[in-house]
Amino acid sequence: MPDTPPQVLLDVSANLRQARQFLGWSQDKLATAAGVSRRMLVNIESGDSNVSLGTLDRLAAALGLSFAELVRPPAANPMQATAPVTVWRGRHANSHASLLQSLSSAGRTVELWVWQLAAGERYEAEADPTGSHEMLYVIAGELELEQAGTRRRLAAGDSLAFASDCAYSYLNSGDIPVRFTKNVLLPR
């Protein structure tokens, strides 16, 4: 029996197809606008592709959607409390990232996330759009942030704000899971 795709991939598939069709765009037009291959887009729309967060960002931007609008269950009411959406899972079972909330206002989008990285886990992030920033707060464990050849260590209780418009990585070199929150500030 084939594996069922995670619910978030099914939600992305439905939201992507609905937004593309609302605009009257072909898959080729969206693929070109987002800078992804048509094959990748076909796989995403069918729920058959584990896609990077960066690719989802590019697709959302091309469609004029926020990241949250793309990954939330279809027809979610933005005025209702929403359940976290687990958008990323690592190699280890207890490595995951969940989008808690998103708000767009005054030309910017703010996202609130909670992350957990198992011991030895690493997450490679693509650059966010120019003008983007992140604010991190470490709840437990020790997080390492690697960016432009520099590595910063953040212990429980530490926070850091940084420009996220270049590639960066989160690492857990410790022996226990690291848990942290992040706010992402994106130009809309």
N, C-alpha and C. Protein backbone atom coordinates (compact mmCIF):
# COMPACT_ATOMS: atom_id res chain seq x y z
N MET A 1 0.85 -1.16 0.00
CA MET A 1 0.00 0.00 0.00
C MET A 1 0.90 1.24 0.00
N PRO A 2 0.66 2.21 -0.88
CA PRO A 2 1.51 3.39 -0.93
C PRO A 2 1.31 4.26 0.31
N ASP A 3 2.38 4.99 0.68
CA ASP A 3 2.30 5.91 1.81
C ASP A 3 1.40 7.08 1.45
N THR A 4 0.62 7.52 2.42
CA THR A 4 -0.22 8.71 2.23
C THR A 4 0.64 9.94 2.49
N PRO A 5 0.56 10.94 1.60
CA PRO A 5 1.36 12.15 1.83
C PRO A 5 0.90 12.85 3.10
N PRO A 6 1.82 13.58 3.78
CA PRO A 6 1.41 14.35 4.96
C PRO A 6 0.31 15.34 4.59
N GLN A 7 -0.56 15.63 5.56
CA GLN A 7 -1.69 16.52 5.31
C GLN A 7 -1.25 17.86 4.75
N VAL A 8 -0.13 18.40 5.22
CA VAL A 8 0.31 19.71 4.74
C VAL A 8 0.57 19.68 3.23
N LEU A 9 1.09 18.58 2.70
CA LEU A 9 1.32 18.49 1.25
C LEU A 9 0.00 18.44 0.49
N LEU A 10 -1.00 17.79 1.06
CA LEU A 10 -2.32 17.75 0.43
C LEU A 10 -2.96 19.14 0.45
N ASP A 11 -2.77 19.88 1.57
CA ASP A 11 -3.31 21.24 1.66
C ASP A 11 -2.61 22.16 0.67
N VAL A 12 -1.28 22.06 0.58
CA VAL A 12 -0.53 22.86 -0.38
C VAL A 12 -1.02 22.57 -1.79
N SER A 13 -1.20 21.30 -2.10
CA SER A 13 -1.66 20.89 -3.42
C SER A 13 -2.99 21.56 -3.77
N ALA A 14 -3.95 21.48 -2.86
CA ALA A 14 -5.27 22.05 -3.11
C ALA A 14 -5.21 23.57 -3.23
N ASN A 15 -4.48 24.22 -2.32
CA ASN A 15 -4.38 25.68 -2.33
C ASN A 15 -3.66 26.19 -3.57
N LEU A 16 -2.62 25.50 -3.95
CA LEU A 16 -1.84 25.89 -5.13
C LEU A 16 -2.69 25.81 -6.40
N ARG A 17 -3.34 24.69 -6.56
CA ARG A 17 -4.18 24.49 -7.74
C ARG A 17 -5.32 25.51 -7.79
N GLN A 18 -5.97 25.74 -6.63
CA GLN A 18 -7.08 26.69 -6.57
C GLN A 18 -6.61 28.11 -6.91
N ALA A 19 -5.50 28.55 -6.35
CA ALA A 19 -5.00 29.91 -6.61
C ALA A 19 -4.56 30.05 -8.07
N ARG A 20 -3.90 29.03 -8.61
CA ARG A 20 -3.44 29.07 -10.00
C ARG A 20 -4.64 29.16 -10.94
N GLN A 21 -5.65 28.34 -10.70
CA GLN A 21 -6.83 28.34 -11.56
C GLN A 21 -7.63 29.63 -11.41
N PHE A 22 -7.68 30.21 -10.21
CA PHE A 22 -8.37 31.48 -10.00
C PHE A 22 -7.75 32.57 -10.86
N LEU A 23 -6.41 32.54 -10.98
CA LEU A 23 -5.71 33.53 -11.81
C LEU A 23 -5.80 33.21 -13.29
N GLY A 24 -6.28 32.00 -13.62
CA GLY A 24 -6.34 31.58 -15.01
C GLY A 24 -4.97 31.22 -15.58
N TRP A 25 -4.07 30.81 -14.70
CA TRP A 25 -2.70 30.48 -15.12
C TRP A 25 -2.56 29.01 -15.44
N SER A 26 -1.74 28.72 -16.41
CA SER A 26 -1.36 27.33 -16.70
C SER A 26 -0.25 26.94 -15.72
N GLN A 27 0.03 25.66 -15.64
CA GLN A 27 1.15 25.21 -14.82
C GLN A 27 2.46 25.77 -15.35
N ASP A 28 2.60 25.88 -16.67
CA ASP A 28 3.82 26.45 -17.25
C ASP A 28 4.01 27.89 -16.80
N LYS A 29 2.93 28.68 -16.81
CA LYS A 29 3.04 30.10 -16.43
C LYS A 29 3.46 30.22 -14.97
N LEU A 30 2.85 29.44 -14.07
CA LEU A 30 3.22 29.50 -12.65
C LEU A 30 4.64 29.02 -12.44
N ALA A 31 5.02 27.93 -13.08
CA ALA A 31 6.38 27.41 -12.93
C ALA A 31 7.40 28.46 -13.32
N THR A 32 7.17 29.14 -14.43
CA THR A 32 8.08 30.20 -14.89
C THR A 32 8.10 31.35 -13.90
N ALA A 33 6.93 31.79 -13.45
CA ALA A 33 6.84 32.93 -12.52
C ALA A 33 7.54 32.63 -11.19
N ALA A 34 7.50 31.37 -10.75
CA ALA A 34 8.09 31.00 -9.46
C ALA A 34 9.52 30.49 -9.58
N GLY A 35 9.98 30.26 -10.81
CA GLY A 35 11.34 29.76 -10.99
C GLY A 35 11.51 28.31 -10.58
N VAL A 36 10.46 27.51 -10.82
CA VAL A 36 10.54 26.07 -10.55
C VAL A 36 10.24 25.32 -11.85
N SER A 37 10.62 24.07 -11.91
CA SER A 37 10.34 23.30 -13.11
C SER A 37 8.86 22.93 -13.16
N ARG A 38 8.35 22.73 -14.35
CA ARG A 38 6.95 22.32 -14.51
C ARG A 38 6.75 20.95 -13.87
N ARG A 39 7.73 20.07 -14.02
CA ARG A 39 7.64 18.73 -13.42
C ARG A 39 7.48 18.83 -11.90
N MET A 40 8.26 19.73 -11.28
CA MET A 40 8.16 19.92 -9.83
C MET A 40 6.76 20.41 -9.47
N LEU A 41 6.25 21.37 -10.24
CA LEU A 41 4.92 21.91 -9.98
C LEU A 41 3.85 20.84 -10.12
N VAL A 42 3.93 20.01 -11.15
CA VAL A 42 2.98 18.91 -11.34
C VAL A 42 3.02 17.98 -10.13
N ASN A 43 4.22 17.66 -9.65
CA ASN A 43 4.35 16.78 -8.49
C ASN A 43 3.78 17.41 -7.22
N ILE A 44 4.00 18.71 -7.05
CA ILE A 44 3.46 19.40 -5.87
C ILE A 44 1.94 19.42 -5.93
N GLU A 45 1.39 19.76 -7.10
CA GLU A 45 -0.08 19.82 -7.23
C GLU A 45 -0.72 18.45 -7.06
N SER A 46 0.01 17.39 -7.30
CA SER A 46 -0.56 16.06 -7.10
C SER A 46 -0.28 15.53 -5.69
N GLY A 47 0.43 16.31 -4.87
CA GLY A 47 0.72 15.90 -3.50
C GLY A 47 1.82 14.87 -3.41
N ASP A 48 2.58 14.70 -4.50
CA ASP A 48 3.60 13.65 -4.56
C ASP A 48 5.01 14.14 -4.31
N SER A 49 5.20 15.39 -3.93
CA SER A 49 6.55 15.92 -3.81
C SER A 49 6.78 16.53 -2.45
N ASN A 50 7.88 16.13 -1.82
CA ASN A 50 8.32 16.77 -0.60
C ASN A 50 9.11 17.99 -1.03
N VAL A 51 8.58 19.16 -0.82
CA VAL A 51 9.10 20.40 -1.39
C VAL A 51 9.78 21.23 -0.31
N SER A 52 10.81 21.99 -0.70
CA SER A 52 11.52 22.83 0.26
C SER A 52 10.67 24.03 0.65
N LEU A 53 10.96 24.59 1.81
CA LEU A 53 10.25 25.78 2.26
C LEU A 53 10.53 26.95 1.32
N GLY A 54 11.74 27.02 0.78
CA GLY A 54 12.08 28.08 -0.16
C GLY A 54 11.25 28.02 -1.42
N THR A 55 11.02 26.80 -1.93
CA THR A 55 10.20 26.63 -3.13
C THR A 55 8.75 27.03 -2.83
N LEU A 56 8.25 26.67 -1.65
CA LEU A 56 6.90 27.08 -1.28
C LEU A 56 6.81 28.60 -1.18
N ASP A 57 7.84 29.24 -0.64
CA ASP A 57 7.87 30.71 -0.58
C ASP A 57 7.77 31.31 -1.97
N ARG A 58 8.54 30.78 -2.93
CA ARG A 58 8.54 31.31 -4.29
C ARG A 58 7.18 31.11 -4.96
N LEU A 59 6.56 29.95 -4.75
CA LEU A 59 5.24 29.70 -5.33
C LEU A 59 4.19 30.64 -4.73
N ALA A 60 4.22 30.81 -3.41
CA ALA A 60 3.27 31.70 -2.76
C ALA A 60 3.44 33.12 -3.29
N ALA A 61 4.68 33.59 -3.37
CA ALA A 61 4.94 34.96 -3.86
C ALA A 61 4.45 35.13 -5.29
N ALA A 62 4.69 34.15 -6.14
CA ALA A 62 4.26 34.24 -7.54
C ALA A 62 2.74 34.34 -7.64
N LEU A 63 2.03 33.71 -6.71
CA LEU A 63 0.57 33.72 -6.72
C LEU A 63 -0.03 34.88 -5.92
N GLY A 64 0.84 35.66 -5.26
CA GLY A 64 0.34 36.76 -4.44
C GLY A 64 -0.24 36.29 -3.12
N LEU A 65 0.21 35.13 -2.64
CA LEU A 65 -0.26 34.58 -1.37
C LEU A 65 0.83 34.70 -0.32
N SER A 66 0.44 34.63 0.94
CA SER A 66 1.43 34.49 2.01
C SER A 66 1.77 33.01 2.12
N PHE A 67 2.89 32.72 2.77
CA PHE A 67 3.28 31.33 3.01
C PHE A 67 2.17 30.60 3.76
N ALA A 68 1.61 31.26 4.78
CA ALA A 68 0.55 30.64 5.59
C ALA A 68 -0.67 30.31 4.75
N GLU A 69 -1.05 31.19 3.83
CA GLU A 69 -2.21 30.92 2.97
C GLU A 69 -1.98 29.69 2.10
N LEU A 70 -0.74 29.43 1.77
CA LEU A 70 -0.43 28.27 0.93
C LEU A 70 -0.45 26.96 1.71
N VAL A 71 0.00 26.98 2.99
CA VAL A 71 0.14 25.72 3.73
C VAL A 71 -1.04 25.39 4.66
N ARG A 72 -1.86 26.36 4.98
CA ARG A 72 -3.00 26.10 5.86
C ARG A 72 -4.06 25.26 5.15
N PRO A 73 -4.91 24.56 5.90
CA PRO A 73 -6.00 23.82 5.26
C PRO A 73 -6.86 24.76 4.42
N PRO A 74 -7.33 24.31 3.26
CA PRO A 74 -8.17 25.16 2.40
C PRO A 74 -9.38 25.69 3.16
N ALA A 75 -9.75 26.92 2.83
CA ALA A 75 -10.92 27.60 3.40
C ALA A 75 -10.79 27.86 4.89
N ALA A 76 -9.55 27.89 5.39
CA ALA A 76 -9.36 28.23 6.80
C ALA A 76 -9.72 29.69 7.00
N ASN A 77 -10.49 29.98 8.03
CA ASN A 77 -10.91 31.34 8.34
C ASN A 77 -9.79 32.03 9.12
N PRO A 78 -9.19 33.11 8.58
CA PRO A 78 -8.07 33.74 9.27
C PRO A 78 -8.45 34.36 10.61
N MET A 79 -9.75 34.55 10.88
CA MET A 79 -10.17 35.14 12.15
C MET A 79 -10.40 34.07 13.23
N GLN A 80 -10.29 32.79 12.89
CA GLN A 80 -10.45 31.72 13.86
C GLN A 80 -9.08 31.28 14.36
N ALA A 81 -9.07 30.75 15.59
CA ALA A 81 -7.84 30.14 16.09
C ALA A 81 -7.51 28.97 15.18
N THR A 82 -6.24 28.81 14.88
CA THR A 82 -5.84 27.73 13.98
C THR A 82 -4.85 26.82 14.69
N ALA A 83 -4.85 25.59 14.30
CA ALA A 83 -3.89 24.62 14.83
C ALA A 83 -2.55 24.83 14.15
N PRO A 84 -1.46 24.53 14.85
CA PRO A 84 -0.15 24.60 14.19
C PRO A 84 -0.12 23.69 12.97
N VAL A 85 0.64 24.11 11.96
CA VAL A 85 0.81 23.31 10.75
C VAL A 85 2.27 22.87 10.70
N THR A 86 2.50 21.56 10.83
CA THR A 86 3.86 21.05 10.74
C THR A 86 4.26 21.06 9.28
N VAL A 87 5.25 21.89 8.96
CA VAL A 87 5.63 22.14 7.58
C VAL A 87 6.94 21.43 7.22
N TRP A 88 7.78 21.14 8.22
CA TRP A 88 9.06 20.48 7.95
C TRP A 88 9.30 19.39 8.98
N ARG A 89 9.84 18.27 8.50
CA ARG A 89 10.29 17.18 9.37
C ARG A 89 11.71 16.83 8.97
N GLY A 90 12.55 16.63 9.97
CA GLY A 90 13.95 16.30 9.72
C GLY A 90 14.18 14.81 9.57
N ARG A 91 15.43 14.44 9.60
CA ARG A 91 15.80 13.02 9.49
C ARG A 91 15.40 12.26 10.74
N HIS A 92 15.41 12.94 11.89
CA HIS A 92 15.07 12.32 13.16
C HIS A 92 13.60 12.59 13.48
N ALA A 93 12.95 11.63 14.10
CA ALA A 93 11.51 11.75 14.37
C ALA A 93 11.15 12.99 15.18
N ASN A 94 12.04 13.41 16.09
CA ASN A 94 11.69 14.58 16.91
C ASN A 94 12.33 15.87 16.38
N SER A 95 12.56 15.94 15.09
CA SER A 95 12.98 17.18 14.44
C SER A 95 11.83 17.65 13.55
N HIS A 96 11.30 18.84 13.85
CA HIS A 96 10.15 19.34 13.10
C HIS A 96 10.00 20.84 13.29
N ALA A 97 9.28 21.47 12.37
CA ALA A 97 8.99 22.90 12.44
C ALA A 97 7.51 23.09 12.16
N SER A 98 6.87 23.90 12.97
CA SER A 98 5.44 24.16 12.82
C SER A 98 5.17 25.66 12.75
N LEU A 99 4.37 26.03 11.77
CA LEU A 99 3.90 27.41 11.64
C LEU A 99 2.72 27.57 12.58
N LEU A 100 2.84 28.52 13.53
CA LEU A 100 1.76 28.74 14.50
C LEU A 100 0.78 29.79 14.01
N GLN A 101 1.29 30.92 13.52
CA GLN A 101 0.44 32.02 13.06
C GLN A 101 1.17 32.83 12.01
N SER A 102 0.39 33.59 11.27
CA SER A 102 0.93 34.50 10.26
C SER A 102 -0.01 35.69 10.17
N LEU A 103 0.57 36.87 9.98
CA LEU A 103 -0.22 38.08 9.87
C LEU A 103 0.43 38.99 8.83
N SER A 104 -0.37 39.49 7.91
CA SER A 104 0.11 40.44 6.91
C SER A 104 -0.51 41.80 7.21
N SER A 105 0.35 42.82 7.25
CA SER A 105 -0.11 44.17 7.53
C SER A 105 0.96 45.16 7.08
N ALA A 106 0.51 46.29 6.57
CA ALA A 106 1.41 47.40 6.20
C ALA A 106 2.55 46.93 5.30
N GLY A 107 2.24 46.05 4.36
CA GLY A 107 3.24 45.63 3.40
C GLY A 107 4.24 44.61 3.90
N ARG A 108 4.03 44.04 5.08
CA ARG A 108 4.94 43.03 5.62
C ARG A 108 4.13 41.85 6.14
N THR A 109 4.77 40.71 6.17
CA THR A 109 4.17 39.51 6.75
C THR A 109 5.05 39.08 7.92
N VAL A 110 4.41 38.71 9.03
CA VAL A 110 5.11 38.19 10.20
C VAL A 110 4.61 36.78 10.43
N GLU A 111 5.54 35.85 10.59
CA GLU A 111 5.19 34.45 10.87
C GLU A 111 5.77 34.06 12.22
N LEU A 112 5.01 33.30 12.99
CA LEU A 112 5.45 32.77 14.28
C LEU A 112 5.60 31.26 14.15
N TRP A 113 6.78 30.76 14.43
CA TRP A 113 7.11 29.34 14.28
C TRP A 113 7.62 28.76 15.60
N VAL A 114 7.48 27.46 15.76
CA VAL A 114 8.17 26.72 16.81
C VAL A 114 8.94 25.58 16.13
N TRP A 115 10.20 25.45 16.50
CA TRP A 115 11.10 24.46 15.90
C TRP A 115 11.66 23.55 16.97
N GLN A 116 12.00 22.33 16.56
CA GLN A 116 12.75 21.41 17.41
C GLN A 116 13.71 20.64 16.52
N LEU A 117 14.98 20.61 16.95
CA LEU A 117 16.00 19.84 16.23
C LEU A 117 16.56 18.79 17.17
N ALA A 118 16.57 17.54 16.74
CA ALA A 118 17.16 16.45 17.51
C ALA A 118 18.67 16.62 17.53
N ALA A 119 19.31 15.95 18.45
CA ALA A 119 20.78 15.95 18.51
C ALA A 119 21.34 15.52 17.15
N GLY A 120 22.28 16.28 16.62
CA GLY A 120 22.91 15.96 15.34
C GLY A 120 22.16 16.43 14.12
N GLU A 121 21.00 17.04 14.30
CA GLU A 121 20.18 17.48 13.15
C GLU A 121 20.68 18.83 12.64
N ARG A 122 20.48 19.05 11.32
CA ARG A 122 20.85 20.30 10.66
C ARG A 122 19.74 20.64 9.67
N TYR A 123 19.40 21.93 9.60
CA TYR A 123 18.43 22.41 8.62
C TYR A 123 19.10 23.48 7.77
N GLU A 124 19.11 23.27 6.47
CA GLU A 124 19.69 24.22 5.51
C GLU A 124 18.57 25.09 4.95
N ALA A 125 18.64 26.39 5.19
CA ALA A 125 17.60 27.31 4.72
C ALA A 125 18.08 28.07 3.49
N GLU A 126 17.17 28.22 2.53
CA GLU A 126 17.45 29.07 1.38
C GLU A 126 17.26 30.52 1.82
N ALA A 127 17.83 31.44 1.06
CA ALA A 127 17.68 32.86 1.36
C ALA A 127 16.22 33.27 1.25
N ASP A 128 15.77 34.08 2.21
CA ASP A 128 14.44 34.69 2.14
C ASP A 128 14.54 35.91 1.22
N PRO A 129 13.40 36.50 0.83
CA PRO A 129 13.43 37.69 -0.03
C PRO A 129 14.24 38.83 0.60
N THR A 130 14.79 39.68 -0.23
CA THR A 130 15.56 40.84 0.24
C THR A 130 14.74 41.64 1.25
N GLY A 131 15.37 42.01 2.34
CA GLY A 131 14.69 42.77 3.38
C GLY A 131 14.06 41.91 4.46
N SER A 132 14.24 40.59 4.40
CA SER A 132 13.66 39.68 5.40
C SER A 132 14.56 39.57 6.63
N HIS A 133 13.93 39.32 7.77
CA HIS A 133 14.66 39.14 9.03
C HIS A 133 14.01 38.02 9.83
N GLU A 134 14.80 37.45 10.73
CA GLU A 134 14.29 36.47 11.69
C GLU A 134 14.68 36.89 13.09
N MET A 135 13.83 36.54 14.04
CA MET A 135 14.13 36.71 15.46
C MET A 135 13.98 35.34 16.10
N LEU A 136 15.04 34.87 16.75
CA LEU A 136 15.05 33.56 17.38
C LEU A 136 15.03 33.70 18.91
N TYR A 137 14.39 32.75 19.57
CA TYR A 137 14.44 32.64 21.02
C TYR A 137 14.57 31.16 21.35
N VAL A 138 15.66 30.80 22.04
CA VAL A 138 15.91 29.40 22.38
C VAL A 138 15.23 29.07 23.71
N ILE A 139 14.36 28.07 23.66
CA ILE A 139 13.61 27.63 24.84
C ILE A 139 14.40 26.60 25.63
N ALA A 140 15.00 25.63 24.93
CA ALA A 140 15.75 24.56 25.58
C ALA A 140 16.87 24.09 24.65
N GLY A 141 17.95 23.64 25.24
CA GLY A 141 19.08 23.14 24.46
C GLY A 141 19.96 24.28 23.97
N GLU A 142 20.77 23.98 22.97
CA GLU A 142 21.67 24.97 22.39
C GLU A 142 21.57 24.93 20.87
N LEU A 143 21.29 26.07 20.28
CA LEU A 143 21.13 26.21 18.83
C LEU A 143 22.36 26.87 18.25
N GLU A 144 22.82 26.36 17.13
CA GLU A 144 23.88 27.02 16.38
C GLU A 144 23.27 27.55 15.09
N LEU A 145 23.58 28.82 14.79
CA LEU A 145 23.15 29.45 13.55
C LEU A 145 24.40 29.69 12.73
N GLU A 146 24.40 29.15 11.51
CA GLU A 146 25.53 29.33 10.61
C GLU A 146 25.08 30.19 9.43
N GLN A 147 25.83 31.27 9.19
CA GLN A 147 25.45 32.20 8.12
C GLN A 147 26.71 32.92 7.65
N ALA A 148 26.93 32.91 6.33
CA ALA A 148 28.07 33.59 5.72
C ALA A 148 29.39 33.21 6.39
N GLY A 149 29.56 31.91 6.66
CA GLY A 149 30.81 31.42 7.24
C GLY A 149 30.99 31.69 8.72
N THR A 150 30.00 32.28 9.36
CA THR A 150 30.06 32.58 10.79
C THR A 150 29.08 31.68 11.52
N ARG A 151 29.51 31.15 12.67
CA ARG A 151 28.64 30.30 13.48
C ARG A 151 28.42 30.98 14.83
N ARG A 152 27.13 31.10 15.21
CA ARG A 152 26.77 31.70 16.50
C ARG A 152 26.07 30.64 17.33
N ARG A 153 26.40 30.59 18.61
CA ARG A 153 25.77 29.64 19.53
C ARG A 153 24.79 30.40 20.42
N LEU A 154 23.59 29.84 20.53
CA LEU A 154 22.56 30.42 21.38
C LEU A 154 22.12 29.36 22.39
N ALA A 155 22.22 29.69 23.68
CA ALA A 155 21.81 28.78 24.75
C ALA A 155 20.36 29.10 25.13
N ALA A 156 19.77 28.22 25.93
CA ALA A 156 18.41 28.44 26.42
C ALA A 156 18.33 29.81 27.07
N GLY A 157 17.31 30.59 26.67
CA GLY A 157 17.13 31.94 27.19
C GLY A 157 17.73 33.02 26.31
N ASP A 158 18.56 32.64 25.33
CA ASP A 158 19.17 33.62 24.42
C ASP A 158 18.23 33.92 23.26
N SER A 159 18.37 35.15 22.73
CA SER A 159 17.63 35.52 21.53
C SER A 159 18.57 36.23 20.57
N LEU A 160 18.16 36.28 19.31
CA LEU A 160 18.99 36.89 18.26
C LEU A 160 18.09 37.31 17.11
N ALA A 161 18.37 38.49 16.57
CA ALA A 161 17.70 38.95 15.34
C ALA A 161 18.77 39.03 14.26
N PHE A 162 18.41 38.60 13.03
CA PHE A 162 19.38 38.63 11.94
C PHE A 162 18.66 38.75 10.60
N ALA A 163 19.38 39.29 9.61
CA ALA A 163 18.86 39.36 8.25
C ALA A 163 18.88 37.95 7.67
N SER A 164 17.75 37.52 7.10
CA SER A 164 17.65 36.15 6.58
C SER A 164 17.58 36.12 5.06
N ASP A 165 18.09 37.19 4.42
CA ASP A 165 18.03 37.25 2.96
C ASP A 165 19.28 36.67 2.30
N CYS A 166 19.99 35.80 3.04
CA CYS A 166 21.05 34.97 2.46
C CYS A 166 20.92 33.59 3.11
N ALA A 167 21.51 32.58 2.49
CA ALA A 167 21.38 31.21 3.00
C ALA A 167 21.93 31.12 4.42
N TYR A 168 21.33 30.25 5.22
CA TYR A 168 21.78 30.04 6.59
C TYR A 168 21.39 28.63 7.01
N SER A 169 21.91 28.18 8.15
CA SER A 169 21.61 26.84 8.66
C SER A 169 21.37 26.88 10.15
N TYR A 170 20.47 26.02 10.61
CA TYR A 170 20.30 25.75 12.03
C TYR A 170 20.96 24.41 12.30
N LEU A 171 21.70 24.31 13.41
CA LEU A 171 22.38 23.07 13.77
C LEU A 171 22.18 22.77 15.25
N ASN A 172 22.13 21.49 15.56
CA ASN A 172 22.14 21.06 16.95
C ASN A 172 23.31 20.10 17.10
N SER A 173 24.41 20.60 17.61
CA SER A 173 25.61 19.77 17.84
C SER A 173 25.60 19.14 19.21
N GLY A 174 24.60 19.46 20.02
CA GLY A 174 24.53 18.95 21.38
C GLY A 174 23.97 17.54 21.46
N ASP A 175 23.78 17.10 22.70
CA ASP A 175 23.29 15.74 22.97
C ASP A 175 21.79 15.69 23.26
N ILE A 176 21.16 16.86 23.40
CA ILE A 176 19.73 16.90 23.70
C ILE A 176 19.03 17.73 22.62
N PRO A 177 17.74 17.54 22.44
CA PRO A 177 17.02 18.35 21.44
C PRO A 177 17.08 19.84 21.78
N VAL A 178 17.11 20.66 20.75
CA VAL A 178 17.01 22.10 20.94
C VAL A 178 15.61 22.51 20.47
N ARG A 179 14.98 23.36 21.27
CA ARG A 179 13.64 23.85 20.95
C ARG A 179 13.71 25.36 20.93
N PHE A 180 13.16 25.96 19.88
CA PHE A 180 13.21 27.42 19.77
C PHE A 180 12.01 27.94 19.00
N THR A 181 11.73 29.22 19.21
CA THR A 181 10.70 29.89 18.43
C THR A 181 11.41 30.86 17.50
N LYS A 182 10.71 31.18 16.42
CA LYS A 182 11.25 32.21 15.55
C LYS A 182 10.08 33.01 14.98
N ASN A 183 10.34 34.29 14.81
CA ASN A 183 9.45 35.17 14.07
C ASN A 183 10.17 35.48 12.77
N VAL A 184 9.47 35.39 11.68
CA VAL A 184 10.02 35.73 10.37
C VAL A 184 9.29 36.99 9.90
N LEU A 185 10.04 38.02 9.53
CA LEU A 185 9.48 39.26 9.02
C LEU A 185 9.82 39.32 7.55
N LEU A 186 8.80 39.29 6.70
CA LEU A 186 8.99 39.26 5.25
C LEU A 186 8.33 40.46 4.59
N PRO A 187 9.00 41.04 3.59
CA PRO A 187 8.29 42.06 2.80
C PRO A 187 7.20 41.38 2.01
N ARG A 188 6.07 42.01 1.86
CA ARG A 188 4.95 41.37 1.14
C ARG A 188 5.05 41.68 -0.33
